[in-house]
Protein backbone atom coordinates (compact mmCIF):
# COMPACT_ATOMS: atom_id res chain seq x y z
CA UNK A 1 -30.06 134.12 160.60
CA UNK A 2 -27.79 132.65 157.98
CA UNK A 3 -28.59 132.79 154.27
CA UNK A 4 -28.71 129.43 152.54
CA UNK A 5 -26.08 128.88 149.91
CA UNK A 6 -26.61 125.99 147.56
CA UNK A 7 -29.29 123.36 147.13
CA UNK A 8 -30.71 120.77 149.46
CA UNK A 9 -30.33 117.07 148.67
CA UNK A 10 -34.10 116.80 147.99
CA UNK A 11 -33.92 119.61 145.39
CA UNK A 12 -31.05 117.95 143.64
CA UNK A 13 -32.77 114.56 143.62
CA UNK A 14 -35.94 116.09 142.13
CA UNK A 15 -33.96 117.79 139.34
CA UNK A 16 -32.06 114.56 138.52
CA UNK A 17 -35.42 112.60 138.46
CA UNK A 18 -36.94 115.15 136.10
CA UNK A 19 -33.87 115.00 133.77
CA UNK A 20 -34.07 111.16 133.76
CA UNK A 21 -37.77 111.23 132.90
CA UNK A 22 -37.11 113.65 130.02
CA UNK A 23 -34.30 111.48 128.79
CA UNK A 24 -36.38 108.34 128.97
CA UNK A 25 -38.98 110.06 126.73
CA UNK A 26 -36.52 111.55 124.28
CA UNK A 27 -34.07 108.75 123.63
CA UNK A 28 -36.55 106.28 122.00
CA UNK A 29 -37.76 109.09 119.70
CA UNK A 30 -34.22 109.83 118.65
CA UNK A 31 -33.54 106.19 118.00
CA UNK A 32 -36.63 105.90 115.90
CA UNK A 33 -35.56 109.01 113.89
CA UNK A 34 -32.18 107.41 113.26
CA UNK A 35 -33.66 104.19 112.07
CA UNK A 36 -36.00 106.07 109.73
CA UNK A 37 -32.98 108.05 108.34
CA UNK A 38 -31.06 104.76 107.70
CA UNK A 39 -34.10 103.24 105.94
CA UNK A 40 -34.48 106.32 103.83
CA UNK A 41 -30.76 106.21 102.90
CA UNK A 42 -31.08 102.52 101.92
CA UNK A 43 -34.10 103.21 99.73
CA UNK A 44 -32.19 106.01 98.02
CA UNK A 45 -29.14 103.77 97.39
CA UNK A 46 -31.44 101.11 95.89
CA UNK A 47 -33.11 103.61 93.60
CA UNK A 48 -29.65 104.76 92.47
CA UNK A 49 -28.59 101.23 91.73
CA UNK A 50 -31.79 100.56 89.82
CA UNK A 51 -31.29 103.71 87.68
CA UNK A 52 -27.75 102.70 86.90
CA UNK A 53 -28.90 99.18 85.94
CA UNK A 54 -31.57 100.54 83.61
CA UNK A 55 -29.08 102.97 82.06
CA UNK A 56 -26.54 100.12 81.55
CA UNK A 57 -29.21 97.87 80.00
CA UNK A 58 -30.21 100.58 77.52
CA UNK A 59 -26.57 101.32 76.62
CA UNK A 60 -25.55 97.64 76.23
CA UNK A 61 -28.54 95.56 75.29
CA UNK A 62 -28.23 91.83 75.38
CA UNK A 63 -28.21 90.63 71.78
CA UNK A 64 -28.66 87.02 71.01
CA UNK A 65 -28.89 85.90 74.64
CA UNK A 66 -32.02 84.76 76.49
């Protein structure tokens, strides 16, 4: 009797299906993590701008203007 070398079509299809299921679960989580990172970066930038604005206001106060 001959030894089998390689995989059958059914085995390959099952493996591809499993990989697709794992990818379908993982991709939305990665996208959510990316969005959260972008939001965190934006909040950090706004805090930096606010700190610079307060620093500028204390260094150069508005005198005589309303």
